[in-house]
Amino acid sequence: MDPTWLSKQLSPASPRGTPRNPYPSRPWLQDRAAAAPATTNVGVKGIIAGGITGGIEICITYPTEYVKTQLQLDGKAGAGKQYSGIIDCVQKTVKTNGVLGLYRGLSVLVYGSIPKSAVRFGSFETVKKRLVDEDGKLNAQRRLLAGLCAGVSEAIFAVTPMETVKVKFINDQRSSNPRFRGFFHGVGLIIKENGFKGVYQGLVPTIMKQGSNQAIRFFVMESCKDWYKGGDNNKPVPKLVVGFFGACAGAASVYGNTPIDVVKTRMQGLEAAKYKGSVDCAVQIWKKEGPSAFYKGTVPRLGRVCLDVAITFMIYDSFMELFNRVWP
C-alpha cells in the first residue's frame, strides 16, 4: 500500500478533513460519517413539523379554498350557473348558510392536511438528504426531482382521498337536499355507494397536480434561499423573507398547473360519472366552456396558495429550527 495515500486524501478540498472516496465511480463508498448525526432524524423531524404546519395553515386559509372549489364546480352561463364571481359566491354563501358556511368541509381538510403536510415535508427531507452533494446543496435538476417525489407521495397517501371527499362535501352543499350530515356520515355514504374507489377518484390528475405543484414550489423556494444565502449554508433566512419566497413559489405553481386542478376538481365532483376519464373531461371542458374555463378560480386560488405556501414555509422553518436545537 502506498504510505502517502491517506495524506493525499486529506487534501484542502476536503474541508472537514475526512478521507476522500478513492473510487469516484462508486459514490456509496464516500465517507459521510462526520455529517451523519446531524441528519439522522431529518425525515422524522420533517414529518412532525409538516403535520403541525398543515393543521395550523388550513384553519387560516380554508375560506379561499371553499370559494375556489365552488367557482370551479360552477357550470357555464345557464341553468347550472350560480355565481357571477368571487364576491357573489361569498355573499350568497353567507346569506344562505352564515359565515360558517365558508368553512363547510373544513373538518375534511383538517383531517387530511396534517398527514398531507407530514408526508410532503417528510418525503422532501428524506429525498433531499439522499440527493445533496458533499456541500449540502442541490442542483436545479435535483431540486425539481425532490419536489416531484414529495408531491407524488402526498398525492397517493393523503391528497387524493382528502380532496375527493372535500369536493363531494362542497358539491353536496350545492344540491337542493344536502345528504351529508357530517364527516364520518358523508365518507360512509360515499364508500357505501361507490366503494373504496369513491374516495380515490381523480388519482392521476391529482398526482400530476401535486407532483408539478411541489416540484415548482420547492424548486423556487430552494433556489431563492440559495440566492439569499450567497453560498453560505449557515446564513439564516429571516422568516418574513421566507414568507415572501413562499408566496413567489405559490404563485409560480398556480400559473403552472391550474388547468390540471380544474380537471381534478371536476373528476372528483358528484357529476364525475359523465366523464369517461381525465382526458375526456379536459376535452369536454374545452368544447363546451372554452379554454378560459381551465383557469376558473385562478384568482381565489392564487390568493389562497400564495398565503398558504408563505405561511406553510414560515411555520415549517420555525419548527425545524426548534427541533434542530432541542433534538440533535
C-alpha atoms as a PDB file:
ATOM      1  CA  MET A   1       0.000   0.000   0.000  1.00  0.00           C
ATOM      2  CA  ASP A   2       1.274   3.475  -0.849  1.00  0.00           C
ATOM      3  CA  PRO A   3       2.092   5.148   2.529  1.00  0.00           C
ATOM      4  CA  THR A   4       1.254   8.584   1.067  1.00  0.00           C
ATOM      5  CA  TRP A   5      -2.277   7.562   0.020  1.00  0.00           C
ATOM      6  CA  LEU A   6      -4.043   8.748   3.215  1.00  0.00           C
ATOM      7  CA  SER A   7      -2.277  12.114   3.222  1.00  0.00           C
ATOM      8  CA  LYS A   8      -3.334  12.640  -0.375  1.00  0.00           C
ATOM      9  CA  GLN A   9      -6.956  12.045   0.555  1.00  0.00           C
ATOM     10  CA  LEU A  10      -6.786  14.576   3.414  1.00  0.00           C
ATOM     11  CA  SER A  11      -6.405  17.442   0.980  1.00  0.00           C
ATOM     12  CA  PRO A  12      -7.598  21.039   1.480  1.00  0.00           C
ATOM     13  CA  ALA A  13     -10.502  20.279  -0.880  1.00  0.00           C
ATOM     14  CA  SER A  14     -11.907  18.096   1.868  1.00  0.00           C
ATOM     15  CA  PRO A  15     -12.864  20.808   4.431  1.00  0.00           C
ATOM     16  CA  ARG A  16     -13.698  18.547   7.291  1.00  0.00           C
ATOM     17  CA  GLY A  17     -10.541  16.532   6.966  1.00  0.00           C
ATOM     18  CA  THR A  18     -12.419  13.357   6.039  1.00  0.00           C
ATOM     19  CA  PRO A  19     -10.817  10.925   3.576  1.00  0.00           C
ATOM     20  CA  ARG A  20     -11.990  11.342   0.031  1.00  0.00           C
ATOM     21  CA  ASN A  21     -13.608   8.464  -1.781  1.00  0.00           C
ATOM     22  CA  PRO A  22     -10.798   6.688  -3.699  1.00  0.00           C
ATOM     23  CA  TYR A  23     -13.439   5.261  -6.081  1.00  0.00           C
ATOM     24  CA  PRO A  24     -15.396   8.275  -7.531  1.00  0.00           C
ATOM     25  CA  SER A  25     -17.486   5.991  -9.735  1.00  0.00           C
ATOM     26  CA  ARG A  26     -18.859   4.342  -6.583  1.00  0.00           C
ATOM     27  CA  PRO A  27     -20.290   7.278  -4.559  1.00  0.00           C
ATOM     28  CA  TRP A  28     -21.845   4.958  -1.998  1.00  0.00           C
ATOM     29  CA  LEU A  29     -18.329   4.401  -0.631  1.00  0.00           C
ATOM     30  CA  GLN A  30     -17.997   8.098   0.288  1.00  0.00           C
ATOM     31  CA  ASP A  31     -17.319   8.530   3.990  1.00  0.00           C
ATOM     32  CA  ARG A  32     -20.111  10.730   5.370  1.00  0.00           C
ATOM     33  CA  ALA A  33     -19.775   9.643   8.977  1.00  0.00           C
ATOM     34  CA  ALA A  34     -18.955  13.110  10.262  1.00  0.00           C
ATOM     35  CA  ALA A  35     -22.255  14.541   8.973  1.00  0.00           C
ATOM     36  CA  ALA A  36     -24.466  11.608   9.913  1.00  0.00           C
ATOM     37  CA  PRO A  37     -25.561  12.660  13.411  1.00  0.00           C
ATOM     38  CA  ALA A  38     -26.921  15.998  12.172  1.00  0.00           C
ATOM     39  CA  THR A  39     -29.168  14.411   9.527  1.00  0.00           C
ATOM     40  CA  THR A  40     -30.177  11.110  11.067  1.00  0.00           C
ATOM     41  CA  ASN A  41     -33.638  12.271  12.158  1.00  0.00           C
ATOM     42  CA  VAL A  42     -34.298  14.771   9.372  1.00  0.00           C
ATOM     43  CA  GLY A  43     -37.111  12.700   7.838  1.00  0.00           C
ATOM     44  CA  VAL A  44     -38.868  12.225  11.168  1.00  0.00           C
ATOM     45  CA  LYS A  45     -38.456  15.906  12.011  1.00  0.00           C
ATOM     46  CA  GLY A  46     -39.916  16.804   8.630  1.00  0.00           C
ATOM     47  CA  ILE A  47     -42.942  14.570   9.223  1.00  0.00           C
ATOM     48  CA  ILE A  48     -43.714  16.035  12.671  1.00  0.00           C
ATOM     49  CA  ALA A  49     -43.022  19.660  11.714  1.00  0.00           C
ATOM     50  CA  GLY A  50     -45.002  19.228   8.496  1.00  0.00           C
ATOM     51  CA  GLY A  51     -48.005  17.730  10.304  1.00  0.00           C
ATOM     52  CA  ILE A  52     -48.182  20.592  12.798  1.00  0.00           C
ATOM     53  CA  THR A  53     -47.756  23.108   9.991  1.00  0.00           C
ATOM     54  CA  GLY A  54     -50.576  21.588   7.930  1.00  0.00           C
ATOM     55  CA  GLY A  55     -53.103  21.762  10.755  1.00  0.00           C
ATOM     56  CA  ILE A  56     -52.368  25.424  11.519  1.00  0.00           C
ATOM     57  CA  GLU A  57     -52.251  26.539   7.904  1.00  0.00           C
ATOM     58  CA  ILE A  58     -55.576  25.085   6.777  1.00  0.00           C
ATOM     59  CA  CYS A  59     -57.503  26.703   9.621  1.00  0.00           C
ATOM     60  CA  ILE A  60     -56.232  30.093   8.419  1.00  0.00           C
ATOM     61  CA  THR A  61     -56.769  29.749   4.674  1.00  0.00           C
ATOM     62  CA  TYR A  62     -59.786  27.463   4.210  1.00  0.00           C
ATOM     63  CA  PRO A  63     -62.420  30.075   3.096  1.00  0.00           C
ATOM     64  CA  THR A  64     -60.413  30.861  -0.055  1.00  0.00           C
ATOM     65  CA  GLU A  65     -60.249  27.128  -0.861  1.00  0.00           C
ATOM     66  CA  TYR A  66     -64.022  26.874  -0.418  1.00  0.00           C
ATOM     67  CA  VAL A  67     -64.698  29.761  -2.838  1.00  0.00           C
ATOM     68  CA  LYS A  68     -62.210  28.401  -5.385  1.00  0.00           C
ATOM     69  CA  THR A  69     -63.862  24.976  -5.395  1.00  0.00           C
ATOM     70  CA  GLN A  70     -67.354  26.464  -5.725  1.00  0.00           C
ATOM     71  CA  LEU A  71     -66.308  28.518  -8.757  1.00  0.00           C
ATOM     72  CA  GLN A  72     -64.625  25.526 -10.414  1.00  0.00           C
ATOM     73  CA  LEU A  73     -67.752  23.403  -9.929  1.00  0.00           C
ATOM     74  CA  ASP A  74     -69.952  26.163 -11.361  1.00  0.00           C
ATOM     75  CA  GLY A  75     -71.056  25.473 -14.920  1.00  0.00           C
ATOM     76  CA  LYS A  76     -71.169  27.745 -17.917  1.00  0.00           C
ATOM     77  CA  ALA A  77     -73.803  30.506 -18.092  1.00  0.00           C
ATOM     78  CA  GLY A  78     -77.239  28.910 -17.974  1.00  0.00           C
ATOM     79  CA  ALA A  79     -79.307  26.800 -15.624  1.00  0.00           C
ATOM     80  CA  GLY A  80     -76.282  25.432 -13.820  1.00  0.00           C
ATOM     81  CA  LYS A  81     -74.633  28.815 -13.284  1.00  0.00           C
ATOM     82  CA  GLN A  82     -74.923  30.013  -9.685  1.00  0.00           C
ATOM     83  CA  TYR A  83     -72.201  32.611  -9.177  1.00  0.00           C
ATOM     84  CA  SER A  84     -71.036  35.614 -11.172  1.00  0.00           C
ATOM     85  CA  GLY A  85     -67.711  35.855  -9.369  1.00  0.00           C
ATOM     86  CA  ILE A  86     -65.801  35.665  -6.102  1.00  0.00           C
ATOM     87  CA  ILE A  87     -67.749  38.364  -4.238  1.00  0.00           C
ATOM     88  CA  ASP A  88     -71.095  36.959  -5.405  1.00  0.00           C
ATOM     89  CA  CYS A  89     -70.069  33.485  -4.217  1.00  0.00           C
ATOM     90  CA  VAL A  90     -69.086  34.789  -0.769  1.00  0.00           C
ATOM     91  CA  GLN A  91     -72.240  36.890  -0.419  1.00  0.00           C
ATOM     92  CA  LYS A  92     -74.612  34.094  -1.428  1.00  0.00           C
ATOM     93  CA  THR A  93     -72.861  31.573   0.815  1.00  0.00           C
ATOM     94  CA  VAL A  94     -73.008  33.864   3.854  1.00  0.00           C
ATOM     95  CA  LYS A  95     -76.634  34.808   3.126  1.00  0.00           C
ATOM     96  CA  THR A  96     -77.704  31.164   2.826  1.00  0.00           C
ATOM     97  CA  ASN A  97     -75.540  29.467   5.447  1.00  0.00           C
ATOM     98  CA  GLY A  98     -73.997  32.247   7.507  1.00  0.00           C
ATOM     99  CA  VAL A  99     -70.285  32.999   7.875  1.00  0.00           C
ATOM    100  CA  LEU A 100     -69.657  29.417   8.985  1.00  0.00           C
ATOM    101  CA  GLY A 101     -70.871  28.334   5.536  1.00  0.00           C
ATOM    102  CA  LEU A 102     -67.442  29.399   4.233  1.00  0.00           C
ATOM    103  CA  TYR A 103     -65.971  26.722   6.487  1.00  0.00           C
ATOM    104  CA  ARG A 104     -68.190  23.899   5.214  1.00  0.00           C
ATOM    105  CA  GLY A 105     -65.949  20.879   4.690  1.00  0.00           C
ATOM    106  CA  LEU A 106     -63.169  22.246   6.938  1.00  0.00           C
ATOM    107  CA  SER A 107     -63.103  19.111   9.068  1.00  0.00           C
ATOM    108  CA  VAL A 108     -62.277  17.084   5.957  1.00  0.00           C
ATOM    109  CA  LEU A 109     -59.217  19.223   5.248  1.00  0.00           C
ATOM    110  CA  VAL A 110     -58.123  19.344   8.883  1.00  0.00           C
ATOM    111  CA  TYR A 111     -58.172  15.543   8.998  1.00  0.00           C
ATOM    112  CA  GLY A 112     -56.319  15.438   5.700  1.00  0.00           C
ATOM    113  CA  SER A 113     -53.948  18.418   5.896  1.00  0.00           C
ATOM    114  CA  ILE A 114     -51.979  17.060   8.820  1.00  0.00           C
ATOM    115  CA  PRO A 115     -50.952  13.790   7.091  1.00  0.00           C
ATOM    116  CA  LYS A 116     -50.661  15.584   3.720  1.00  0.00           C
ATOM    117  CA  SER A 117     -48.166  18.113   5.001  1.00  0.00           C
ATOM    118  CA  ALA A 118     -46.389  15.471   7.060  1.00  0.00           C
ATOM    119  CA  VAL A 119     -45.934  13.215   4.009  1.00  0.00           C
ATOM    120  CA  ARG A 120     -44.902  16.156   1.818  1.00  0.00           C
ATOM    121  CA  PHE A 121     -42.151  17.520   4.030  1.00  0.00           C
ATOM    122  CA  GLY A 122     -41.066  14.141   5.345  1.00  0.00           C
ATOM    123  CA  SER A 123     -40.656  12.871   1.778  1.00  0.00           C
ATOM    124  CA  PHE A 124     -38.848  16.016   0.652  1.00  0.00           C
ATOM    125  CA  GLU A 125     -36.389  15.973   3.538  1.00  0.00           C
ATOM    126  CA  THR A 126     -35.732  12.253   3.057  1.00  0.00           C
ATOM    127  CA  VAL A 127     -35.164  12.551  -0.704  1.00  0.00           C
ATOM    128  CA  LYS A 128     -33.170  15.768  -0.298  1.00  0.00           C
ATOM    129  CA  LYS A 129     -30.871  14.034   2.183  1.00  0.00           C
ATOM    130  CA  ARG A 130     -30.145  11.399  -0.470  1.00  0.00           C
ATOM    131  CA  LEU A 131     -29.549  13.879  -3.289  1.00  0.00           C
ATOM    132  CA  VAL A 132     -27.460  16.673  -1.730  1.00  0.00           C
ATOM    133  CA  ASP A 133     -23.801  16.916  -2.656  1.00  0.00           C
ATOM    134  CA  GLU A 134     -20.987  16.916  -0.115  1.00  0.00           C
ATOM    135  CA  ASP A 135     -21.564  20.642   0.472  1.00  0.00           C
ATOM    136  CA  GLY A 136     -25.190  20.033   1.388  1.00  0.00           C
ATOM    137  CA  LYS A 137     -26.565  21.618  -1.795  1.00  0.00           C
ATOM    138  CA  LEU A 138     -28.984  20.553  -4.543  1.00  0.00           C
ATOM    139  CA  ASN A 139     -28.565  21.463  -8.198  1.00  0.00           C
ATOM    140  CA  ALA A 140     -31.583  22.581 -10.234  1.00  0.00           C
ATOM    141  CA  GLN A 141     -32.481  19.117 -11.528  1.00  0.00           C
ATOM    142  CA  ARG A 142     -32.305  17.538  -8.080  1.00  0.00           C
ATOM    143  CA  ARG A 143     -34.463  20.294  -6.566  1.00  0.00           C
ATOM    144  CA  LEU A 144     -37.144  19.526  -9.117  1.00  0.00           C
ATOM    145  CA  LEU A 145     -36.788  15.784  -8.502  1.00  0.00           C
ATOM    146  CA  ALA A 146     -37.022  16.125  -4.715  1.00  0.00           C
ATOM    147  CA  GLY A 147     -40.113  18.315  -5.015  1.00  0.00           C
ATOM    148  CA  LEU A 148     -41.683  15.948  -7.537  1.00  0.00           C
ATOM    149  CA  CYS A 149     -41.163  12.974  -5.201  1.00  0.00           C
ATOM    150  CA  ALA A 150     -42.754  14.927  -2.340  1.00  0.00           C
ATOM    151  CA  GLY A 151     -45.787  15.799  -4.485  1.00  0.00           C
ATOM    152  CA  VAL A 152     -46.336  12.288  -5.808  1.00  0.00           C
ATOM    153  CA  SER A 153     -46.059  10.837  -2.285  1.00  0.00           C
ATOM    154  CA  GLU A 154     -48.628  13.216  -0.814  1.00  0.00           C
ATOM    155  CA  ALA A 155     -50.958  12.683  -3.786  1.00  0.00           C
ATOM    156  CA  ILE A 156     -51.054   8.924  -3.256  1.00  0.00           C
ATOM    157  CA  PHE A 157     -51.076   8.716   0.525  1.00  0.00           C
ATOM    158  CA  ALA A 158     -53.096  11.784   1.547  1.00  0.00           C
ATOM    159  CA  VAL A 159     -54.288  14.292  -1.032  1.00  0.00           C
ATOM    160  CA  THR A 160     -56.438  12.167  -3.355  1.00  0.00           C
ATOM    161  CA  PRO A 161     -58.809  10.752  -0.706  1.00  0.00           C
ATOM    162  CA  MET A 162     -58.890  14.064   1.169  1.00  0.00           C
ATOM    163  CA  GLU A 163     -59.578  16.176  -1.913  1.00  0.00           C
ATOM    164  CA  THR A 164     -62.200  13.761  -3.261  1.00  0.00           C
ATOM    165  CA  VAL A 165     -64.160  13.841  -0.014  1.00  0.00           C
ATOM    166  CA  LYS A 166     -63.766  17.624   0.290  1.00  0.00           C
ATOM    167  CA  VAL A 167     -65.076  18.266  -3.233  1.00  0.00           C
ATOM    168  CA  LYS A 168     -68.007  15.902  -2.704  1.00  0.00           C
ATOM    169  CA  PHE A 169     -68.893  17.673   0.556  1.00  0.00           C
ATOM    170  CA  ILE A 170     -68.839  21.101  -1.092  1.00  0.00           C
ATOM    171  CA  ASN A 171     -70.692  19.726  -4.129  1.00  0.00           C
ATOM    172  CA  ASP A 172     -73.313  18.201  -1.813  1.00  0.00           C
ATOM    173  CA  GLN A 173     -73.996  21.602  -0.290  1.00  0.00           C
ATOM    174  CA  ARG A 174     -74.826  22.945  -3.754  1.00  0.00           C
ATOM    175  CA  SER A 175     -77.723  20.498  -4.121  1.00  0.00           C
ATOM    176  CA  SER A 176     -81.267  21.365  -3.009  1.00  0.00           C
ATOM    177  CA  ASN A 177     -81.278  18.485  -0.494  1.00  0.00           C
ATOM    178  CA  PRO A 178     -77.813  18.005   1.056  1.00  0.00           C
ATOM    179  CA  ARG A 179     -77.318  14.423   2.238  1.00  0.00           C
ATOM    180  CA  PHE A 180     -74.062  14.520   4.194  1.00  0.00           C
ATOM    181  CA  ARG A 181     -74.690  15.204   7.893  1.00  0.00           C
ATOM    182  CA  GLY A 182     -71.047  15.225   8.890  1.00  0.00           C
ATOM    183  CA  PHE A 183     -67.580  13.943   8.013  1.00  0.00           C
ATOM    184  CA  PHE A 184     -67.961  10.320   9.025  1.00  0.00           C
ATOM    185  CA  HIS A 185     -71.553  10.073   7.765  1.00  0.00           C
ATOM    186  CA  GLY A 186     -70.509  11.560   4.418  1.00  0.00           C
ATOM    187  CA  VAL A 187     -67.476   9.311   3.977  1.00  0.00           C
ATOM    188  CA  GLY A 188     -69.547   6.272   4.950  1.00  0.00           C
ATOM    189  CA  LEU A 189     -72.193   7.177   2.394  1.00  0.00           C
ATOM    190  CA  ILE A 190     -69.603   7.732  -0.355  1.00  0.00           C
ATOM    191  CA  ILE A 191     -67.973   4.338   0.296  1.00  0.00           C
ATOM    192  CA  LYS A 192     -71.360   2.613   0.537  1.00  0.00           C
ATOM    193  CA  GLU A 193     -72.483   3.962  -2.835  1.00  0.00           C
ATOM    194  CA  ASN A 194     -69.210   3.957  -4.779  1.00  0.00           C
ATOM    195  CA  GLY A 195     -66.944   1.565  -2.932  1.00  0.00           C
ATOM    196  CA  PHE A 196     -63.419   2.388  -1.799  1.00  0.00           C
ATOM    197  CA  LYS A 197     -62.662   3.836  -5.239  1.00  0.00           C
ATOM    198  CA  GLY A 198     -65.204   6.519  -4.393  1.00  0.00           C
ATOM    199  CA  VAL A 199     -62.569   8.277  -2.282  1.00  0.00           C
ATOM    200  CA  TYR A 200     -59.817   7.743  -4.865  1.00  0.00           C
ATOM    201  CA  GLN A 201     -61.387   9.435  -7.877  1.00  0.00           C
ATOM    202  CA  GLY A 202     -59.075  11.657  -9.886  1.00  0.00           C
ATOM    203  CA  LEU A 203     -55.862   9.936  -8.727  1.00  0.00           C
ATOM    204  CA  VAL A 204     -53.969  10.532 -11.988  1.00  0.00           C
ATOM    205  CA  PRO A 205     -54.729  14.280 -12.282  1.00  0.00           C
ATOM    206  CA  THR A 206     -54.046  14.640  -8.554  1.00  0.00           C
ATOM    207  CA  ILE A 207     -50.614  13.038  -8.942  1.00  0.00           C
ATOM    208  CA  MET A 208     -49.975  15.350 -11.905  1.00  0.00           C
ATOM    209  CA  LYS A 209     -51.161  18.366  -9.946  1.00  0.00           C
ATOM    210  CA  GLN A 210     -49.315  17.650  -6.695  1.00  0.00           C
ATOM    211  CA  GLY A 211     -46.185  16.446  -8.443  1.00  0.00           C
ATOM    212  CA  SER A 212     -45.921  19.616 -10.545  1.00  0.00           C
ATOM    213  CA  ASN A 213     -47.028  21.753  -7.584  1.00  0.00           C
ATOM    214  CA  GLN A 214     -44.294  20.635  -5.240  1.00  0.00           C
ATOM    215  CA  ALA A 215     -41.649  20.396  -7.966  1.00  0.00           C
ATOM    216  CA  ILE A 216     -42.265  24.069  -8.789  1.00  0.00           C
ATOM    217  CA  ARG A 217     -42.646  25.231  -5.173  1.00  0.00           C
ATOM    218  CA  PHE A 218     -39.616  23.505  -3.704  1.00  0.00           C
ATOM    219  CA  PHE A 219     -37.520  24.450  -6.752  1.00  0.00           C
ATOM    220  CA  VAL A 220     -38.405  28.143  -6.377  1.00  0.00           C
ATOM    221  CA  MET A 221     -38.052  28.098  -2.584  1.00  0.00           C
ATOM    222  CA  GLU A 222     -34.694  26.292  -2.535  1.00  0.00           C
ATOM    223  CA  SER A 223     -33.396  28.486  -5.376  1.00  0.00           C
ATOM    224  CA  CYS A 224     -34.430  31.675  -3.583  1.00  0.00           C
ATOM    225  CA  LYS A 225     -32.879  30.526  -0.319  1.00  0.00           C
ATOM    226  CA  ASP A 226     -29.601  29.639  -2.044  1.00  0.00           C
ATOM    227  CA  TRP A 227     -29.578  33.045  -3.750  1.00  0.00           C
ATOM    228  CA  TYR A 228     -30.192  34.830  -0.438  1.00  0.00           C
ATOM    229  CA  LYS A 229     -27.510  32.842   1.410  1.00  0.00           C
ATOM    230  CA  GLY A 230     -24.952  33.563  -1.297  1.00  0.00           C
ATOM    231  CA  GLY A 231     -23.222  30.216  -0.868  1.00  0.00           C
ATOM    232  CA  ASP A 232     -23.143  30.308   2.946  1.00  0.00           C
ATOM    233  CA  ASN A 233     -25.299  27.394   4.159  1.00  0.00           C
ATOM    234  CA  ASN A 234     -25.134  28.650   7.753  1.00  0.00           C
ATOM    235  CA  LYS A 235     -26.585  32.073   6.942  1.00  0.00           C
ATOM    236  CA  PRO A 236     -30.120  32.320   8.437  1.00  0.00           C
ATOM    237  CA  VAL A 237     -33.026  33.460   6.278  1.00  0.00           C
ATOM    238  CA  PRO A 238     -35.447  35.812   8.136  1.00  0.00           C
ATOM    239  CA  LYS A 239     -38.975  34.447   8.459  1.00  0.00           C
ATOM    240  CA  LEU A 240     -40.552  37.356   6.565  1.00  0.00           C
ATOM    241  CA  VAL A 241     -38.144  36.718   3.700  1.00  0.00           C
ATOM    242  CA  VAL A 242     -39.061  33.011   3.813  1.00  0.00           C
ATOM    243  CA  GLY A 243     -42.721  34.053   3.623  1.00  0.00           C
ATOM    244  CA  PHE A 244     -42.054  36.248   0.584  1.00  0.00           C
ATOM    245  CA  PHE A 245     -40.161  33.440  -1.149  1.00  0.00           C
ATOM    246  CA  GLY A 246     -43.041  31.093  -0.306  1.00  0.00           C
ATOM    247  CA  ALA A 247     -45.591  33.461  -1.854  1.00  0.00           C
ATOM    248  CA  CYS A 248     -43.490  33.603  -5.043  1.00  0.00           C
ATOM    249  CA  ALA A 249     -43.266  29.805  -5.103  1.00  0.00           C
ATOM    250  CA  GLY A 250     -47.026  29.528  -4.622  1.00  0.00           C
ATOM    251  CA  ALA A 251     -47.787  31.982  -7.435  1.00  0.00           C
ATOM    252  CA  ALA A 252     -45.484  30.095  -9.813  1.00  0.00           C
ATOM    253  CA  SER A 253     -47.236  26.809  -9.051  1.00  0.00           C
ATOM    254  CA  VAL A 254     -50.712  28.305  -9.571  1.00  0.00           C
ATOM    255  CA  TYR A 255     -49.971  29.605 -13.051  1.00  0.00           C
ATOM    256  CA  GLY A 256     -48.178  26.387 -13.856  1.00  0.00           C
ATOM    257  CA  ASN A 257     -50.935  23.900 -13.078  1.00  0.00           C
ATOM    258  CA  THR A 258     -54.376  25.475 -12.593  1.00  0.00           C
ATOM    259  CA  PRO A 259     -55.732  23.633 -15.712  1.00  0.00           C
ATOM    260  CA  ILE A 260     -54.801  20.325 -14.057  1.00  0.00           C
ATOM    261  CA  ASP A 261     -56.509  21.483 -10.857  1.00  0.00           C
ATOM    262  CA  VAL A 262     -59.744  22.262 -12.729  1.00  0.00           C
ATOM    263  CA  VAL A 263     -59.819  18.803 -14.342  1.00  0.00           C
ATOM    264  CA  LYS A 264     -59.038  17.183 -10.985  1.00  0.00           C
ATOM    265  CA  THR A 265     -61.896  19.054  -9.297  1.00  0.00           C
ATOM    266  CA  ARG A 266     -64.404  18.049 -11.983  1.00  0.00           C
ATOM    267  CA  MET A 267     -63.278  14.409 -11.784  1.00  0.00           C
ATOM    268  CA  GLN A 268     -63.790  14.406  -8.010  1.00  0.00           C
ATOM    269  CA  GLY A 269     -67.208  16.089  -8.046  1.00  0.00           C
ATOM    270  CA  LEU A 270     -70.567  14.356  -7.740  1.00  0.00           C
ATOM    271  CA  GLU A 271     -71.056  14.605 -11.529  1.00  0.00           C
ATOM    272  CA  ALA A 272     -67.765  12.874 -12.377  1.00  0.00           C
ATOM    273  CA  ALA A 273     -69.693   9.937 -13.895  1.00  0.00           C
ATOM    274  CA  LYS A 274     -70.460  11.962 -17.030  1.00  0.00           C
ATOM    275  CA  TYR A 275     -66.775  11.898 -17.947  1.00  0.00           C
ATOM    276  CA  LYS A 276     -65.012   8.812 -19.302  1.00  0.00           C
ATOM    277  CA  GLY A 277     -61.764   9.904 -17.720  1.00  0.00           C
ATOM    278  CA  SER A 278     -59.451  12.861 -17.153  1.00  0.00           C
ATOM    279  CA  VAL A 279     -58.697  13.316 -20.864  1.00  0.00           C
ATOM    280  CA  ASP A 280     -62.403  13.197 -21.782  1.00  0.00           C
ATOM    281  CA  CYS A 281     -63.104  15.710 -19.006  1.00  0.00           C
ATOM    282  CA  ALA A 282     -60.498  18.106 -20.420  1.00  0.00           C
ATOM    283  CA  VAL A 283     -61.870  17.692 -23.950  1.00  0.00           C
ATOM    284  CA  GLN A 284     -65.467  18.345 -22.842  1.00  0.00           C
ATOM    285  CA  ILE A 285     -64.462  21.435 -20.859  1.00  0.00           C
ATOM    286  CA  TRP A 286     -62.606  22.777 -23.904  1.00  0.00           C
ATOM    287  CA  LYS A 287     -65.511  22.116 -26.286  1.00  0.00           C
ATOM    288  CA  LYS A 288     -68.397  23.250 -24.062  1.00  0.00           C
ATOM    289  CA  GLU A 289     -66.856  26.043 -21.973  1.00  0.00           C
ATOM    290  CA  GLY A 290     -63.817  27.169 -23.899  1.00  0.00           C
ATOM    291  CA  PRO A 291     -60.124  27.361 -22.912  1.00  0.00           C
ATOM    292  CA  SER A 292     -60.742  30.091 -20.316  1.00  0.00           C
ATOM    293  CA  ALA A 293     -62.610  27.505 -18.214  1.00  0.00           C
ATOM    294  CA  PHE A 294     -59.274  25.877 -17.409  1.00  0.00           C
ATOM    295  CA  TYR A 295     -58.397  28.957 -15.373  1.00  0.00           C
ATOM    296  CA  LYS A 296     -61.638  29.175 -13.416  1.00  0.00           C
ATOM    297  CA  GLY A 297     -60.993  30.018  -9.793  1.00  0.00           C
ATOM    298  CA  THR A 298     -57.458  31.229 -10.538  1.00  0.00           C
ATOM    299  CA  VAL A 299     -57.772  34.466  -8.531  1.00  0.00           C
ATOM    300  CA  PRO A 300     -59.119  32.884  -5.329  1.00  0.00           C
ATOM    301  CA  ARG A 301     -56.685  30.014  -5.766  1.00  0.00           C
ATOM    302  CA  LEU A 302     -53.827  32.470  -6.260  1.00  0.00           C
ATOM    303  CA  GLY A 303     -54.744  34.289  -3.054  1.00  0.00           C
ATOM    304  CA  ARG A 304     -55.112  31.072  -1.103  1.00  0.00           C
ATOM    305  CA  VAL A 305     -51.995  29.361  -2.438  1.00  0.00           C
ATOM    306  CA  CYS A 306     -49.672  32.353  -2.020  1.00  0.00           C
ATOM    307  CA  LEU A 307     -50.880  32.817   1.551  1.00  0.00           C
ATOM    308  CA  ASP A 308     -50.854  29.070   2.126  1.00  0.00           C
ATOM    309  CA  VAL A 309     -47.308  28.481   0.889  1.00  0.00           C
ATOM    310  CA  ALA A 310     -45.938  31.594   2.611  1.00  0.00           C
ATOM    311  CA  ILE A 311     -47.457  30.597   5.965  1.00  0.00           C
ATOM    312  CA  THR A 312     -46.522  26.952   5.493  1.00  0.00           C
ATOM    313  CA  PHE A 313     -42.825  27.575   4.893  1.00  0.00           C
ATOM    314  CA  MET A 314     -42.611  30.168   7.687  1.00  0.00           C
ATOM    315  CA  ILE A 315     -44.197  27.815  10.219  1.00  0.00           C
ATOM    316  CA  TYR A 316     -42.284  24.805   8.950  1.00  0.00           C
ATOM    317  CA  ASP A 317     -38.906  26.572   9.090  1.00  0.00           C
ATOM    318  CA  SER A 318     -39.667  27.755  12.627  1.00  0.00           C
ATOM    319  CA  PHE A 319     -40.458  24.239  13.854  1.00  0.00           C
ATOM    320  CA  MET A 320     -37.459  22.728  12.079  1.00  0.00           C
ATOM    321  CA  GLU A 321     -35.177  25.305  13.718  1.00  0.00           C
ATOM    322  CA  LEU A 322     -36.704  24.457  17.101  1.00  0.00           C
ATOM    323  CA  PHE A 323     -36.342  20.715  16.530  1.00  0.00           C
ATOM    324  CA  ASN A 324     -32.721  21.106  15.410  1.00  0.00           C
ATOM    325  CA  ARG A 325     -31.929  22.944  18.660  1.00  0.00           C
ATOM    326  CA  VAL A 326     -33.650  20.564  21.069  1.00  0.00           C
ATOM    327  CA  TRP A 327     -33.499  17.323  19.068  1.00  0.00           C
ATOM    328  CA  PRO A 328     -29.996  16.612  17.694  1.00  0.00           C
END
